[in-house]
Amino acid sequence: MFSALRSGATAMAHIQKETNIDQVDKVMDDINEQGEKMRAVQEALGQPVGYAADLDEDELDAELAALEAEDLEADLGLGAADPVVVAAVAARPAPAQAAAAVAAPSMPAMPSAPSRPPALPVMPSVPGKSQEDEELEALQAEMELLGA
């Protein structure tokens, strides 16, 4: 075991002699410089170009909301030039009233639910102890003797 430690220390000393701290610093500086160049390129590529550079996000969101509202009005037929549709929708009966009017004649009456839960079955009791119960008690008593 001692020889393994000695050979490890020798190998570390050999590696240390070959390694120059100035070379390590130069390599690390080169790596950092290349990373900074890559970040600058990525930032430049991420900038909007041409027409996209002049767009305002808030203005676009407001325009989209207005277009969606117009589409919804068109789908529902609720244009400003069509007040009859709005009045017809307002004059409709409430959904509960409409459902009651439609469902009453065609639906059969539902049976009533029981008011109390059903009684649970009672298990018959067996007088005395079974052979299994007696064996279990004997085993428990034996274990108590061993534990004490």
N, C-alpha and C. Protein backbone atom coordinates (compact mmCIF):
# COMPACT_ATOMS: atom_id res chain seq x y z
N MET A 1 0.82 -1.17 0.00
CA MET A 1 0.00 0.00 0.00
C MET A 1 0.88 1.26 0.00
N PHE A 2 1.94 1.21 0.72
CA PHE A 2 2.85 2.35 0.78
C PHE A 2 3.48 2.60 -0.58
N SER A 3 3.76 1.55 -1.31
CA SER A 3 4.37 1.72 -2.64
C SER A 3 3.38 2.38 -3.61
N ALA A 4 2.10 2.11 -3.45
CA ALA A 4 1.09 2.75 -4.30
C ALA A 4 1.04 4.25 -4.04
N LEU A 5 1.12 4.64 -2.78
CA LEU A 5 1.14 6.05 -2.43
C LEU A 5 2.38 6.74 -3.00
N ARG A 6 3.52 6.04 -2.91
CA ARG A 6 4.77 6.61 -3.41
C ARG A 6 4.70 6.80 -4.93
N SER A 7 4.16 5.81 -5.64
CA SER A 7 4.07 5.93 -7.10
C SER A 7 3.08 7.03 -7.49
N GLY A 8 2.01 7.21 -6.72
CA GLY A 8 1.06 8.29 -6.98
C GLY A 8 1.71 9.65 -6.80
N ALA A 9 2.50 9.79 -5.74
CA ALA A 9 3.18 11.06 -5.48
C ALA A 9 4.20 11.34 -6.58
N THR A 10 4.88 10.32 -7.05
CA THR A 10 5.86 10.49 -8.12
C THR A 10 5.18 10.92 -9.41
N ALA A 11 4.03 10.32 -9.71
CA ALA A 11 3.29 10.68 -10.93
C ALA A 11 2.81 12.12 -10.85
N MET A 12 2.34 12.55 -9.68
CA MET A 12 1.88 13.93 -9.51
C MET A 12 3.04 14.91 -9.68
N ALA A 13 4.20 14.57 -9.15
CA ALA A 13 5.36 15.45 -9.28
C ALA A 13 5.77 15.57 -10.74
N HIS A 14 5.72 14.45 -11.49
CA HIS A 14 6.07 14.46 -12.91
C HIS A 14 5.10 15.35 -13.69
N ILE A 15 3.79 15.25 -13.42
CA ILE A 15 2.79 16.07 -14.11
C ILE A 15 3.00 17.54 -13.78
N GLN A 16 3.32 17.83 -12.53
CA GLN A 16 3.52 19.21 -12.11
C GLN A 16 4.73 19.84 -12.79
N LYS A 17 5.78 19.04 -13.02
CA LYS A 17 6.96 19.56 -13.70
C LYS A 17 6.64 19.94 -15.14
N GLU A 18 5.76 19.15 -15.78
CA GLU A 18 5.41 19.40 -17.18
C GLU A 18 4.43 20.57 -17.33
N THR A 19 3.71 20.90 -16.27
CA THR A 19 2.69 21.94 -16.34
C THR A 19 3.27 23.27 -15.91
N ASN A 20 3.04 24.26 -16.74
CA ASN A 20 3.50 25.61 -16.46
C ASN A 20 2.27 26.46 -16.17
N ILE A 21 2.24 27.15 -15.05
CA ILE A 21 1.08 27.93 -14.66
C ILE A 21 0.80 29.05 -15.65
N ASP A 22 1.81 29.59 -16.29
CA ASP A 22 1.61 30.64 -17.28
C ASP A 22 0.86 30.10 -18.50
N GLN A 23 1.17 28.84 -18.89
CA GLN A 23 0.46 28.23 -20.01
C GLN A 23 -1.01 27.99 -19.65
N VAL A 24 -1.25 27.55 -18.42
CA VAL A 24 -2.63 27.31 -17.98
C VAL A 24 -3.42 28.62 -18.00
N ASP A 25 -2.84 29.69 -17.50
CA ASP A 25 -3.50 31.00 -17.51
C ASP A 25 -3.79 31.46 -18.93
N LYS A 26 -2.83 31.24 -19.85
CA LYS A 26 -3.03 31.66 -21.24
C LYS A 26 -4.18 30.88 -21.87
N VAL A 27 -4.24 29.57 -21.62
CA VAL A 27 -5.33 28.76 -22.19
C VAL A 27 -6.67 29.22 -21.63
N MET A 28 -6.75 29.49 -20.33
CA MET A 28 -8.00 29.93 -19.72
C MET A 28 -8.43 31.29 -20.26
N ASP A 29 -7.48 32.19 -20.48
CA ASP A 29 -7.79 33.49 -21.07
C ASP A 29 -8.34 33.33 -22.49
N ASP A 30 -7.73 32.43 -23.27
CA ASP A 30 -8.21 32.18 -24.63
C ASP A 30 -9.64 31.63 -24.61
N ILE A 31 -9.92 30.74 -23.69
CA ILE A 31 -11.27 30.15 -23.59
C ILE A 31 -12.29 31.24 -23.24
N ASN A 32 -11.96 32.09 -22.26
CA ASN A 32 -12.87 33.17 -21.87
C ASN A 32 -13.10 34.16 -23.00
N GLU A 33 -12.04 34.47 -23.76
CA GLU A 33 -12.15 35.40 -24.88
C GLU A 33 -13.07 34.83 -25.96
N GLN A 34 -12.92 33.55 -26.27
CA GLN A 34 -13.78 32.92 -27.27
C GLN A 34 -15.23 32.90 -26.81
N GLY A 35 -15.45 32.67 -25.51
CA GLY A 35 -16.81 32.68 -24.98
C GLY A 35 -17.45 34.05 -25.11
N GLU A 36 -16.69 35.11 -24.85
CA GLU A 36 -17.21 36.47 -25.00
C GLU A 36 -17.55 36.78 -26.45
N LYS A 37 -16.71 36.31 -27.38
CA LYS A 37 -17.00 36.53 -28.80
C LYS A 37 -18.29 35.82 -29.21
N MET A 38 -18.48 34.61 -28.72
CA MET A 38 -19.70 33.85 -29.05
C MET A 38 -20.94 34.54 -28.49
N ARG A 39 -20.85 35.08 -27.27
CA ARG A 39 -21.99 35.80 -26.69
C ARG A 39 -22.31 37.05 -27.52
N ALA A 40 -21.28 37.75 -27.99
CA ALA A 40 -21.51 38.95 -28.81
C ALA A 40 -22.19 38.58 -30.12
N VAL A 41 -21.78 37.47 -30.73
CA VAL A 41 -22.39 37.02 -31.99
C VAL A 41 -23.85 36.63 -31.74
N GLN A 42 -24.13 35.91 -30.67
CA GLN A 42 -25.50 35.50 -30.36
C GLN A 42 -26.38 36.71 -30.09
N GLU A 43 -25.85 37.71 -29.40
CA GLU A 43 -26.62 38.93 -29.13
C GLU A 43 -26.93 39.67 -30.42
N ALA A 44 -25.95 39.74 -31.32
CA ALA A 44 -26.17 40.41 -32.60
C ALA A 44 -27.21 39.68 -33.43
N LEU A 45 -27.18 38.36 -33.42
CA LEU A 45 -28.15 37.58 -34.19
C LEU A 45 -29.55 37.68 -33.59
N GLY A 46 -29.66 37.97 -32.31
CA GLY A 46 -30.95 38.06 -31.65
C GLY A 46 -31.66 39.39 -31.82
N GLN A 47 -30.99 40.38 -32.40
CA GLN A 47 -31.58 41.70 -32.58
C GLN A 47 -32.53 41.67 -33.78
N PRO A 48 -33.70 42.35 -33.67
CA PRO A 48 -34.61 42.42 -34.81
C PRO A 48 -34.00 43.23 -35.95
N VAL A 49 -34.35 42.85 -37.16
CA VAL A 49 -33.76 43.49 -38.35
C VAL A 49 -34.88 44.03 -39.23
N GLY A 50 -34.66 45.19 -39.85
CA GLY A 50 -35.59 45.74 -40.82
C GLY A 50 -36.91 46.15 -40.19
N TYR A 51 -38.02 45.68 -40.78
CA TYR A 51 -39.36 46.05 -40.35
C TYR A 51 -39.61 45.60 -38.91
N ALA A 52 -39.09 44.46 -38.53
CA ALA A 52 -39.32 43.93 -37.18
C ALA A 52 -38.71 44.83 -36.11
N ALA A 53 -37.68 45.59 -36.44
CA ALA A 53 -37.05 46.47 -35.46
C ALA A 53 -37.93 47.65 -35.10
N ASP A 54 -38.86 48.03 -35.99
CA ASP A 54 -39.71 49.19 -35.77
C ASP A 54 -41.03 48.84 -35.08
N LEU A 55 -41.32 47.57 -34.81
CA LEU A 55 -42.61 47.16 -34.25
C LEU A 55 -42.63 47.38 -32.74
N ASP A 56 -43.81 47.79 -32.25
CA ASP A 56 -44.03 47.97 -30.83
C ASP A 56 -44.91 46.82 -30.34
N GLU A 57 -44.43 46.06 -29.37
CA GLU A 57 -45.16 44.89 -28.87
C GLU A 57 -46.53 45.25 -28.32
N ASP A 58 -46.63 46.33 -27.53
CA ASP A 58 -47.91 46.73 -26.95
C ASP A 58 -48.92 47.12 -28.03
N GLU A 59 -48.44 47.81 -29.06
CA GLU A 59 -49.31 48.20 -30.16
C GLU A 59 -49.83 46.97 -30.90
N LEU A 60 -48.96 46.00 -31.11
CA LEU A 60 -49.37 44.77 -31.79
C LEU A 60 -50.39 43.99 -30.96
N ASP A 61 -50.18 43.94 -29.64
CA ASP A 61 -51.13 43.23 -28.77
C ASP A 61 -52.50 43.90 -28.79
N ALA A 62 -52.54 45.23 -28.78
CA ALA A 62 -53.81 45.95 -28.82
C ALA A 62 -54.52 45.70 -30.15
N GLU A 63 -53.77 45.70 -31.24
CA GLU A 63 -54.37 45.45 -32.56
C GLU A 63 -54.92 44.03 -32.65
N LEU A 64 -54.19 43.07 -32.10
CA LEU A 64 -54.65 41.68 -32.09
C LEU A 64 -55.93 41.54 -31.28
N ALA A 65 -56.00 42.18 -30.12
CA ALA A 65 -57.20 42.11 -29.29
C ALA A 65 -58.41 42.70 -30.03
N ALA A 66 -58.20 43.81 -30.74
CA ALA A 66 -59.29 44.42 -31.49
C ALA A 66 -59.77 43.50 -32.61
N LEU A 67 -58.85 42.87 -33.33
CA LEU A 67 -59.23 41.95 -34.40
C LEU A 67 -59.97 40.74 -33.86
N GLU A 68 -59.52 40.21 -32.72
CA GLU A 68 -60.21 39.06 -32.11
C GLU A 68 -61.62 39.44 -31.68
N ALA A 69 -61.80 40.65 -31.14
CA ALA A 69 -63.13 41.11 -30.75
C ALA A 69 -64.04 41.22 -31.96
N GLU A 70 -63.52 41.75 -33.07
CA GLU A 70 -64.31 41.85 -34.29
C GLU A 70 -64.72 40.48 -34.81
N ASP A 71 -63.78 39.52 -34.78
CA ASP A 71 -64.09 38.16 -35.22
C ASP A 71 -65.17 37.53 -34.35
N LEU A 72 -65.10 37.75 -33.05
CA LEU A 72 -66.08 37.20 -32.13
C LEU A 72 -67.45 37.79 -32.41
N GLU A 73 -67.51 39.10 -32.62
CA GLU A 73 -68.78 39.75 -32.95
C GLU A 73 -69.34 39.21 -34.26
N ALA A 74 -68.46 38.99 -35.23
CA ALA A 74 -68.91 38.47 -36.52
C ALA A 74 -69.43 37.04 -36.38
N ASP A 75 -68.74 36.22 -35.56
CA ASP A 75 -69.17 34.84 -35.36
C ASP A 75 -70.51 34.77 -34.64
N LEU A 76 -70.74 35.68 -33.70
CA LEU A 76 -71.99 35.70 -32.95
C LEU A 76 -73.08 36.48 -33.68
N GLY A 77 -72.71 37.22 -34.69
CA GLY A 77 -73.68 38.02 -35.42
C GLY A 77 -74.12 39.23 -34.64
N LEU A 78 -73.24 39.79 -33.83
CA LEU A 78 -73.58 40.94 -32.99
C LEU A 78 -72.94 42.20 -33.54
N GLY A 79 -73.25 42.58 -34.74
CA GLY A 79 -72.70 43.80 -35.29
C GLY A 79 -73.47 45.01 -34.79
N ALA A 80 -72.89 46.19 -34.88
CA ALA A 80 -73.57 47.40 -34.43
C ALA A 80 -74.76 47.72 -35.34
N ALA A 81 -74.74 47.26 -36.60
CA ALA A 81 -75.82 47.53 -37.53
C ALA A 81 -76.96 46.54 -37.39
N ASP A 82 -76.91 45.61 -36.44
CA ASP A 82 -77.93 44.57 -36.30
C ASP A 82 -78.49 44.56 -34.89
N PRO A 83 -79.25 45.58 -34.45
CA PRO A 83 -79.78 45.62 -33.10
C PRO A 83 -80.88 44.60 -32.88
N VAL A 84 -81.51 44.08 -33.92
CA VAL A 84 -82.58 43.10 -33.77
C VAL A 84 -82.05 41.82 -33.14
N VAL A 85 -80.86 41.40 -33.55
CA VAL A 85 -80.27 40.18 -33.00
C VAL A 85 -80.01 40.34 -31.51
N VAL A 86 -79.50 41.50 -31.10
CA VAL A 86 -79.22 41.75 -29.69
C VAL A 86 -80.51 41.69 -28.90
N ALA A 87 -81.60 42.30 -29.41
CA ALA A 87 -82.88 42.29 -28.71
C ALA A 87 -83.44 40.88 -28.64
N ALA A 88 -83.27 40.08 -29.70
CA ALA A 88 -83.77 38.72 -29.69
C ALA A 88 -83.04 37.86 -28.67
N VAL A 89 -81.76 38.07 -28.55
CA VAL A 89 -80.98 37.31 -27.57
C VAL A 89 -81.39 37.71 -26.16
N ALA A 90 -81.62 39.02 -25.93
CA ALA A 90 -82.02 39.49 -24.60
C ALA A 90 -83.41 39.00 -24.24
N ALA A 91 -84.29 38.79 -25.23
CA ALA A 91 -85.66 38.38 -24.95
C ALA A 91 -85.80 36.88 -24.73
N ARG A 92 -84.77 36.11 -24.94
CA ARG A 92 -84.84 34.66 -24.74
C ARG A 92 -85.06 34.35 -23.26
N PRO A 93 -85.77 33.24 -22.95
CA PRO A 93 -85.95 32.87 -21.54
C PRO A 93 -84.63 32.38 -20.96
N ALA A 94 -84.55 32.41 -19.67
CA ALA A 94 -83.34 31.95 -18.99
C ALA A 94 -83.14 30.47 -19.29
N PRO A 95 -81.90 29.98 -19.27
CA PRO A 95 -81.65 28.57 -19.59
C PRO A 95 -82.41 27.61 -18.69
N ALA A 96 -82.57 27.92 -17.41
CA ALA A 96 -83.28 27.01 -16.50
C ALA A 96 -84.76 26.93 -16.89
N GLN A 97 -85.35 28.05 -17.28
CA GLN A 97 -86.75 28.06 -17.69
C GLN A 97 -86.92 27.27 -18.99
N ALA A 98 -86.01 27.46 -19.91
CA ALA A 98 -86.10 26.76 -21.19
C ALA A 98 -85.91 25.26 -20.99
N ALA A 99 -85.00 24.87 -20.14
CA ALA A 99 -84.77 23.45 -19.89
C ALA A 99 -85.97 22.82 -19.20
N ALA A 100 -86.59 23.53 -18.28
CA ALA A 100 -87.76 22.99 -17.59
C ALA A 100 -88.92 22.82 -18.56
N ALA A 101 -89.07 23.76 -19.47
CA ALA A 101 -90.17 23.67 -20.43
C ALA A 101 -89.96 22.51 -21.39
N VAL A 102 -88.73 22.24 -21.76
CA VAL A 102 -88.44 21.16 -22.70
C VAL A 102 -88.40 19.81 -22.00
N ALA A 103 -87.80 19.74 -20.81
CA ALA A 103 -87.57 18.47 -20.15
C ALA A 103 -88.81 17.93 -19.46
N ALA A 104 -89.75 18.75 -19.03
CA ALA A 104 -90.88 18.27 -18.23
C ALA A 104 -91.74 17.25 -18.97
N PRO A 105 -92.17 17.48 -20.19
CA PRO A 105 -93.07 16.51 -20.81
C PRO A 105 -92.37 15.25 -21.29
N SER A 106 -91.10 15.31 -21.67
CA SER A 106 -90.48 14.16 -22.30
C SER A 106 -89.69 13.26 -21.35
N MET A 107 -89.40 13.71 -20.14
CA MET A 107 -88.56 12.94 -19.22
C MET A 107 -89.44 12.17 -18.23
N PRO A 108 -89.21 10.87 -18.04
CA PRO A 108 -89.97 10.14 -17.02
C PRO A 108 -89.51 10.56 -15.62
N ALA A 109 -90.36 10.37 -14.65
CA ALA A 109 -90.03 10.74 -13.27
C ALA A 109 -88.94 9.82 -12.74
N MET A 110 -88.04 10.39 -12.00
CA MET A 110 -86.93 9.62 -11.43
C MET A 110 -87.36 9.02 -10.10
N PRO A 111 -86.91 7.80 -9.80
CA PRO A 111 -87.27 7.21 -8.49
C PRO A 111 -86.56 7.96 -7.37
N SER A 112 -87.15 7.92 -6.20
CA SER A 112 -86.54 8.61 -5.07
C SER A 112 -85.40 7.77 -4.50
N ALA A 113 -84.44 8.46 -3.94
CA ALA A 113 -83.29 7.78 -3.34
C ALA A 113 -83.63 7.38 -1.92
N PRO A 114 -83.05 6.27 -1.41
CA PRO A 114 -83.33 5.89 -0.02
C PRO A 114 -82.84 6.96 0.94
N SER A 115 -83.57 7.12 2.03
CA SER A 115 -83.23 8.17 2.99
C SER A 115 -82.18 7.74 3.99
N ARG A 116 -81.98 6.44 4.18
CA ARG A 116 -80.95 5.97 5.12
C ARG A 116 -80.13 4.89 4.43
N PRO A 117 -78.89 4.72 4.85
CA PRO A 117 -78.05 3.70 4.21
C PRO A 117 -78.55 2.29 4.54
N PRO A 118 -78.26 1.34 3.67
CA PRO A 118 -78.69 -0.04 3.94
C PRO A 118 -77.93 -0.60 5.14
N ALA A 119 -78.58 -1.52 5.83
CA ALA A 119 -77.96 -2.14 7.01
C ALA A 119 -76.81 -3.04 6.58
N LEU A 120 -75.73 -3.00 7.34
CA LEU A 120 -74.58 -3.85 7.04
C LEU A 120 -74.85 -5.27 7.52
N PRO A 121 -74.35 -6.26 6.81
CA PRO A 121 -74.57 -7.64 7.25
C PRO A 121 -73.81 -7.90 8.57
N VAL A 122 -74.41 -8.70 9.40
CA VAL A 122 -73.82 -9.03 10.70
C VAL A 122 -73.11 -10.36 10.56
N MET A 123 -71.85 -10.41 10.98
CA MET A 123 -71.08 -11.65 10.92
C MET A 123 -71.48 -12.55 12.09
N PRO A 124 -71.71 -13.82 11.82
CA PRO A 124 -72.08 -14.71 12.94
C PRO A 124 -70.89 -14.90 13.87
N SER A 125 -71.15 -14.94 15.13
CA SER A 125 -70.06 -15.13 16.10
C SER A 125 -69.92 -16.62 16.39
N VAL A 126 -68.69 -17.05 16.56
CA VAL A 126 -68.40 -18.46 16.81
C VAL A 126 -68.03 -18.58 18.29
N PRO A 127 -68.73 -19.41 19.04
CA PRO A 127 -68.39 -19.56 20.46
C PRO A 127 -67.07 -20.30 20.61
N GLY A 128 -66.28 -19.90 21.60
CA GLY A 128 -65.00 -20.55 21.86
C GLY A 128 -63.92 -20.09 20.90
N LYS A 129 -62.75 -20.67 21.06
CA LYS A 129 -61.61 -20.30 20.23
C LYS A 129 -61.38 -21.38 19.20
N SER A 130 -60.93 -20.94 18.03
CA SER A 130 -60.59 -21.90 17.00
C SER A 130 -59.20 -22.45 17.28
N GLN A 131 -58.86 -23.49 16.60
CA GLN A 131 -57.54 -24.12 16.78
C GLN A 131 -56.45 -23.14 16.37
N GLU A 132 -56.72 -22.33 15.36
CA GLU A 132 -55.75 -21.34 14.90
C GLU A 132 -55.50 -20.28 15.97
N ASP A 133 -56.58 -19.83 16.64
CA ASP A 133 -56.43 -18.84 17.71
C ASP A 133 -55.60 -19.40 18.86
N GLU A 134 -55.86 -20.68 19.19
CA GLU A 134 -55.10 -21.31 20.29
C GLU A 134 -53.61 -21.44 19.94
N GLU A 135 -53.31 -21.80 18.68
CA GLU A 135 -51.92 -21.90 18.25
C GLU A 135 -51.23 -20.53 18.30
N LEU A 136 -51.95 -19.49 17.91
CA LEU A 136 -51.40 -18.14 17.93
C LEU A 136 -51.08 -17.71 19.36
N GLU A 137 -51.99 -17.95 20.28
CA GLU A 137 -51.75 -17.60 21.68
C GLU A 137 -50.56 -18.36 22.25
N ALA A 138 -50.43 -19.66 21.91
CA ALA A 138 -49.30 -20.45 22.39
C ALA A 138 -47.99 -19.91 21.84
N LEU A 139 -47.98 -19.52 20.60
CA LEU A 139 -46.78 -18.97 19.98
C LEU A 139 -46.41 -17.63 20.63
N GLN A 140 -47.41 -16.78 20.91
CA GLN A 140 -47.14 -15.50 21.56
C GLN A 140 -46.58 -15.71 22.97
N ALA A 141 -47.13 -16.66 23.70
CA ALA A 141 -46.64 -16.94 25.04
C ALA A 141 -45.21 -17.45 25.01
N GLU A 142 -44.90 -18.30 24.03
CA GLU A 142 -43.54 -18.82 23.90
C GLU A 142 -42.56 -17.71 23.56
N MET A 143 -42.98 -16.76 22.69
CA MET A 143 -42.11 -15.65 22.34
C MET A 143 -41.87 -14.73 23.53
N GLU A 144 -42.88 -14.56 24.38
CA GLU A 144 -42.71 -13.73 25.57
C GLU A 144 -41.70 -14.35 26.53
N LEU A 145 -41.69 -15.68 26.63
CA LEU A 145 -40.75 -16.38 27.51
C LEU A 145 -39.32 -16.23 26.97
N LEU A 146 -39.18 -16.30 25.66
CA LEU A 146 -37.84 -16.19 25.07
C LEU A 146 -37.31 -14.76 25.21
N GLY A 147 -38.21 -13.78 25.10
CA GLY A 147 -37.80 -12.39 25.18
C GLY A 147 -37.49 -11.95 26.60
N ALA A 148 -38.04 -12.60 27.59
CA ALA A 148 -37.84 -12.18 28.99
C ALA A 148 -36.67 -12.80 29.62
